[in-house]
Protein backbone atom coordinates (compact mmCIF):
# COMPACT_ATOMS: atom_id res chain seq x y z
CA MET A 1 -8.39 -11.80 -25.52
CA VAL A 2 -7.73 -9.48 -22.48
CA ARG A 3 -6.32 -11.43 -19.56
CA ALA A 4 -6.20 -10.26 -15.87
CA LEU A 5 -4.10 -11.79 -13.10
CA VAL A 6 -5.46 -11.21 -9.44
CA LEU A 7 -2.99 -11.71 -6.68
CA GLY A 8 -4.44 -11.64 -3.22
CA GLY A 9 -3.24 -10.86 0.34
CA GLY A 10 -1.60 -13.37 2.70
CA GLY A 11 1.41 -11.90 4.62
CA ILE A 12 5.03 -13.18 4.32
CA THR A 13 4.05 -16.64 3.71
CA GLY A 14 1.51 -15.57 1.09
CA VAL A 15 4.15 -13.71 -0.85
CA ALA A 16 6.38 -16.84 -0.84
CA TRP A 17 3.44 -19.22 -1.68
CA GLU A 18 2.23 -17.01 -4.57
CA LEU A 19 5.81 -16.59 -6.10
CA GLY A 20 6.04 -20.42 -5.73
CA VAL A 21 2.63 -20.96 -7.63
CA LEU A 22 3.79 -18.52 -10.30
CA GLU A 23 7.12 -20.18 -10.74
CA GLY A 24 5.69 -23.84 -10.77
CA LEU A 25 3.12 -22.62 -13.41
CA ARG A 26 5.94 -21.09 -15.45
CA ARG A 27 7.97 -24.44 -15.34
CA ALA A 28 4.86 -26.16 -16.46
CA GLY A 29 4.66 -23.98 -19.50
CA VAL A 30 2.05 -21.40 -18.17
CA ASP A 31 3.52 -18.13 -17.90
CA LEU A 32 1.34 -15.39 -16.41
CA SER A 33 3.81 -12.53 -16.62
CA ASP A 34 2.02 -11.69 -20.04
CA ALA A 35 -1.11 -10.65 -18.29
CA ASP A 36 -2.60 -7.44 -19.69
CA THR A 37 -3.61 -6.32 -16.04
CA VAL A 38 -2.12 -7.42 -12.80
CA ILE A 39 -4.11 -6.53 -9.67
CA GLY A 40 -2.05 -6.66 -6.36
CA THR A 41 -3.44 -6.57 -2.89
CA SER A 42 -1.25 -6.60 0.13
CA ALA A 43 1.07 -9.55 -0.41
CA GLY A 44 -0.14 -9.69 -3.96
CA SER A 45 1.13 -6.06 -4.44
CA VAL A 46 4.50 -7.35 -3.72
CA VAL A 47 4.21 -10.33 -5.90
CA GLY A 48 2.56 -8.26 -8.72
CA THR A 49 5.35 -5.71 -8.64
CA ARG A 50 8.13 -8.48 -8.74
CA LEU A 51 6.24 -10.15 -11.62
CA ARG A 52 6.10 -6.87 -13.65
CA LEU A 53 9.80 -5.94 -12.95
CA GLY A 54 11.75 -9.17 -13.70
CA PRO A 55 11.66 -12.83 -14.11
CA VAL A 56 9.59 -14.50 -11.41
CA THR A 57 12.29 -17.12 -11.07
CA ASN A 58 14.66 -14.62 -9.37
CA ALA A 59 11.88 -13.58 -6.93
CA TYR A 60 11.05 -17.22 -6.18
CA ASP A 61 14.77 -18.17 -5.55
CA GLU A 62 14.85 -15.28 -2.97
CA GLN A 63 12.12 -16.87 -1.10
CA LEU A 64 14.45 -19.83 -0.41
CA GLN A 65 17.13 -17.79 1.38
CA PRO A 66 16.89 -16.80 5.17
CA ALA A 67 14.33 -13.89 5.67
CA THR A 68 16.84 -11.61 7.38
CA HIS A 69 15.14 -8.34 6.23
CA GLU A 70 11.57 -9.34 7.48
CA ILE A 71 10.00 -8.29 10.78
CA ALA A 72 8.21 -11.09 12.69
CA ALA A 73 4.62 -10.43 13.89
CA ASP A 74 1.37 -12.18 14.84
CA LEU A 75 -1.57 -12.20 12.61
CA ASP A 76 -3.34 -14.61 14.82
CA GLU A 77 -7.02 -15.69 15.20
CA VAL A 78 -7.66 -13.02 17.76
CA THR A 79 -6.46 -10.15 15.52
CA MET A 80 -8.48 -11.66 12.62
CA ILE A 81 -11.61 -11.83 14.90
CA LYS A 82 -10.99 -8.06 15.95
CA LEU A 83 -10.89 -6.90 12.24
CA ALA A 84 -13.90 -8.98 11.25
CA LEU A 85 -15.85 -7.57 14.15
CA LEU A 86 -14.82 -3.97 13.02
CA MET A 87 -15.95 -4.68 9.55
CA SER A 88 -19.22 -6.61 10.22
CA ARG A 89 -20.77 -4.01 12.62
CA PRO A 90 -23.71 -2.43 10.77
CA ALA A 91 -22.56 0.59 8.81
CA ASP A 92 -21.90 1.58 5.33
CA GLU A 93 -18.54 0.81 3.84
CA PRO A 94 -17.01 4.36 4.29
CA THR A 95 -17.79 4.21 7.90
CA ARG A 96 -16.44 0.84 8.44
CA PHE A 97 -13.15 1.88 6.72
CA LYS A 98 -12.98 4.87 9.05
CA ARG A 99 -13.53 2.66 11.96
CA ILE A 100 -10.70 0.48 11.02
CA GLY A 101 -8.54 3.71 10.79
CA VAL A 102 -9.50 4.82 14.25
CA ALA A 103 -8.40 1.14 15.43
CA ALA A 104 -5.24 1.10 13.43
CA ARG A 105 -3.82 4.42 14.73
CA GLY A 106 -1.13 4.05 17.29
CA THR A 107 -0.71 0.27 16.88
CA GLY A 108 1.76 -1.93 15.19
CA THR A 109 4.87 -3.76 16.08
CA SER A 110 7.27 -1.60 14.17
CA ASP A 111 7.60 1.96 13.30
CA ALA A 112 6.81 3.36 9.73
CA PRO A 113 10.43 3.93 8.58
CA ALA A 114 11.17 0.23 9.51
CA ARG A 115 8.17 -0.91 7.55
CA VAL A 116 9.27 0.95 4.50
CA GLU A 117 12.52 -0.67 4.70
CA VAL A 118 10.95 -4.18 4.78
CA ILE A 119 9.00 -3.38 1.64
CA ARG A 120 12.17 -2.01 -0.04
CA SER A 121 13.88 -5.18 0.65
CA ARG A 122 11.25 -7.08 -1.28
CA ILE A 123 10.71 -4.80 -4.30
CA GLY A 124 13.50 -2.31 -4.24
CA ASP A 125 12.43 1.44 -5.01
CA PRO A 126 11.44 1.13 -8.77
CA ASP A 127 9.51 3.15 -11.18
CA TRP A 128 6.06 1.96 -12.11
CA PRO A 129 5.94 -0.57 -14.90
CA GLU A 130 4.68 0.38 -18.33
CA ARG A 131 2.25 -2.57 -18.28
CA ASP A 132 -0.83 -2.27 -16.18
CA LEU A 133 -0.26 -2.90 -12.47
CA LEU A 134 -3.00 -1.87 -9.98
CA ILE A 135 -2.17 -1.74 -6.18
CA THR A 136 -5.05 -1.57 -3.73
CA ALA A 137 -5.36 0.31 -0.45
CA VAL A 138 -7.93 1.73 1.77
CA ASP A 139 -8.10 5.47 2.66
CA VAL A 140 -9.36 5.56 6.31
CA ASP A 141 -9.34 9.34 6.48
CA HIS A 142 -12.22 9.57 3.88
CA GLY A 143 -13.39 5.98 3.96
CA ARG A 144 -12.47 5.19 0.50
CA PHE A 145 -11.15 2.27 -1.40
CA GLU A 146 -8.08 3.36 -3.39
CA VAL A 147 -6.48 1.92 -6.61
CA PHE A 148 -3.07 3.06 -7.40
CA ASP A 149 -1.39 2.85 -10.72
CA ARG A 150 1.40 4.53 -12.67
CA THR A 151 -0.96 7.72 -13.21
CA SER A 152 -1.69 8.25 -9.49
CA GLY A 153 1.34 10.30 -8.85
CA VAL A 154 2.31 8.12 -5.88
CA SER A 155 5.61 6.10 -5.81
CA LEU A 156 5.42 2.34 -6.36
CA LEU A 157 7.22 1.88 -3.06
CA ASP A 158 4.73 3.97 -1.06
CA ALA A 159 1.82 2.34 -2.81
CA VAL A 160 2.98 -1.25 -1.97
CA THR A 161 3.78 -0.18 1.52
CA ALA A 162 0.14 1.17 1.97
CA SER A 163 -1.13 -1.96 0.48
CA CYS A 164 0.69 -4.07 3.01
CA ALA A 165 -0.25 -2.04 6.11
CA VAL A 166 -2.33 -4.74 8.05
CA PRO A 167 -4.28 -2.75 10.65
CA LEU A 168 -3.48 -3.58 14.33
CA VAL A 169 -0.24 -5.15 13.20
CA TRP A 170 1.72 -2.70 11.05
CA PRO A 171 1.38 1.04 11.25
CA PRO A 172 -0.91 2.98 8.75
CA VAL A 173 0.93 4.66 5.81
CA THR A 174 0.62 8.41 5.22
CA ILE A 175 0.89 9.46 1.52
CA GLY A 176 0.29 13.09 0.66
CA GLY A 177 -1.45 13.83 3.99
CA THR A 178 -3.84 10.85 3.67
CA THR A 179 -3.79 7.71 5.70
CA TYR A 180 -3.94 4.33 4.22
CA VAL A 181 -4.07 0.69 5.49
CA ASP A 182 -4.10 -2.68 3.72
CA GLY A 183 -6.31 -3.16 0.65
CA GLY A 184 -7.37 -6.39 1.96
CA MET A 185 -9.70 -4.62 4.40
CA ARG A 186 -12.03 -4.35 1.41
CA SER A 187 -11.27 -7.78 -0.01
CA PRO A 188 -8.44 -10.18 0.16
CA ALA A 189 -8.23 -10.23 -3.63
CA ASN A 190 -10.42 -7.37 -5.10
CA ALA A 191 -11.14 -9.39 -8.07
CA ASP A 192 -13.74 -7.16 -9.32
CA LEU A 193 -11.11 -4.85 -10.60
CA VAL A 194 -10.57 -7.13 -13.53
CA GLY A 195 -12.76 -4.68 -15.47
CA ALA A 196 -13.27 -5.61 -19.11
CA ALA A 197 -10.97 -8.76 -18.89
CA ASP A 198 -12.25 -11.80 -20.80
CA VAL A 199 -10.51 -14.20 -18.54
CA ALA A 200 -8.91 -14.02 -15.10
CA VAL A 201 -6.76 -16.07 -12.98
CA VAL A 202 -6.84 -15.44 -9.25
CA ILE A 203 -4.10 -16.61 -6.91
CA ALA A 204 -5.41 -16.14 -3.46
CA PRO A 205 -3.73 -17.17 -0.23
CA MET A 206 -6.77 -16.08 1.79
CA PRO A 207 -9.89 -16.42 -0.39
CA ASP A 208 -12.29 -15.57 2.31
CA SER A 209 -13.63 -12.00 2.84
CA LEU A 210 -14.41 -10.13 5.95
CA THR A 211 -17.53 -8.85 4.51
CA PRO A 212 -20.05 -11.08 2.43
CA GLU A 213 -20.60 -8.56 -0.36
CA HIS A 214 -16.80 -8.87 -1.35
CA HIS A 215 -16.85 -12.78 -1.41
CA LEU A 216 -14.50 -13.56 -4.30
CA ASP A 217 -17.14 -15.51 -6.35
CA LEU A 218 -19.51 -12.52 -6.11
CA GLN A 219 -16.82 -10.16 -7.08
CA LEU A 220 -16.08 -12.15 -10.31
CA ALA A 221 -19.67 -12.58 -11.03
CA ARG A 222 -20.11 -8.67 -10.90
CA ALA A 223 -17.23 -8.22 -13.13
CA GLY A 224 -18.75 -10.48 -15.68
CA VAL A 225 -15.55 -12.29 -16.67
CA ARG A 226 -16.18 -15.01 -19.34
CA ALA A 227 -13.73 -17.54 -17.85
CA HIS A 228 -11.89 -17.69 -14.60
CA THR A 229 -10.15 -19.91 -12.17
CA THR A 230 -8.76 -19.46 -8.58
CA VAL A 231 -5.72 -21.19 -7.03
CA SER A 232 -5.73 -21.11 -3.19
CA PRO A 233 -3.56 -23.04 -0.84
CA ASP A 234 -4.52 -26.81 -0.59
CA GLN A 235 -3.99 -28.66 2.72
CA PRO A 236 -0.35 -29.46 2.45
CA ALA A 237 0.28 -25.70 1.47
CA ARG A 238 -1.57 -24.64 4.42
CA ASP A 239 0.21 -27.00 6.79
CA ALA A 240 3.58 -25.59 5.25
CA MET A 241 2.38 -21.98 5.67
CA GLY A 242 1.24 -22.45 9.28
CA PRO A 243 -1.17 -20.55 11.43
CA ASN A 244 0.57 -17.11 11.28
CA SER A 245 1.08 -15.72 7.92
CA LEU A 246 3.56 -13.02 9.35
CA ASP A 247 6.02 -15.71 10.35
CA PRO A 248 9.38 -15.39 8.43
CA ALA A 249 10.54 -18.74 9.33
CA ARG A 250 7.74 -20.21 7.31
CA ARG A 251 8.91 -18.50 4.08
CA ARG A 252 10.95 -21.12 2.44
CA ALA A 253 8.46 -23.98 3.10
CA SER A 254 5.51 -21.77 1.81
CA ALA A 255 7.46 -21.03 -1.47
CA GLU A 256 8.26 -24.72 -1.93
CA ALA A 257 4.57 -25.73 -1.25
CA GLY A 258 3.49 -23.01 -3.78
CA LEU A 259 5.91 -24.42 -6.45
CA ARG A 260 4.41 -27.87 -5.98
CA GLN A 261 0.96 -26.56 -6.24
CA GLY A 262 1.83 -24.38 -9.41
CA LEU A 263 2.97 -27.41 -11.18
CA LEU A 264 -0.20 -29.43 -10.11
CA ALA A 265 -2.39 -26.54 -11.19
CA ALA A 266 -0.90 -26.07 -14.69
CA ASP A 267 -3.64 -27.72 -16.67
CA GLN A 268 -6.40 -25.95 -14.70
CA VAL A 269 -4.87 -22.55 -15.06
CA GLY A 270 -3.69 -23.03 -18.62
CA ALA A 271 -7.09 -24.09 -19.92
CA VAL A 272 -8.32 -20.57 -18.86
CA TRP A 273 -5.33 -18.56 -19.85
CA GLY A 274 -5.10 -20.28 -23.14
CA GLN A 275 -1.60 -21.41 -22.86
CA ARG A 276 0.04 -24.66 -21.91
CA GLY A 277 3.44 -26.15 -22.88
């Protein structure tokens, strides 16, 4: 049985919440670190990297500490509406991606080197793991969806930095002369990358897509996964995470909310994963 773990985007609070969910599941006897494929988008690229590189407990514990290396920013309703409008105006997908690139250039609340250091503080500068790890981004020069892996010739640090480059908030990332932004511009989870997996677990802080064709349920249906389940923030978790997913002050509360929810979701997830206790 081939098992895929899909980790979606969701900012600083999304990273913390996802790590909390994974740690809660692990404590309840459902260890998702043995996934055959891990797919990470934006916040999920950070979480997927940490999951592949070492015990999730260590990464979770870090979320309980002061977020001294993070840069605060606003991913508010206005910014989300602007991004939604850029993506929803009639055009094919490559044109929409290029449109995002035009809007993203010259914007951001920090410079590119500072953002790299933020991502380095989250994951270090490791080599790609041997087990499958897919990191998503959007090439806004050519209007293409990009999936980085260990064969791409791109460092893992650069891939994750690109995947986390939220347009209109963080600067785009240039790799080999090509400009990239957040993989969440295609879909917050990109769950259709599960490929030939028999089962999939999706952990998605932001399950709603900017475009209807990439709705999470439609992606999973297109992929033809035999069994799947999705964990998204419940109301107490949403309250803990707050309205701004890029608020470092919410990191600890988000992680603790994720831990609680992971413990509660163990039966649901374990039934699909084929593992419990």
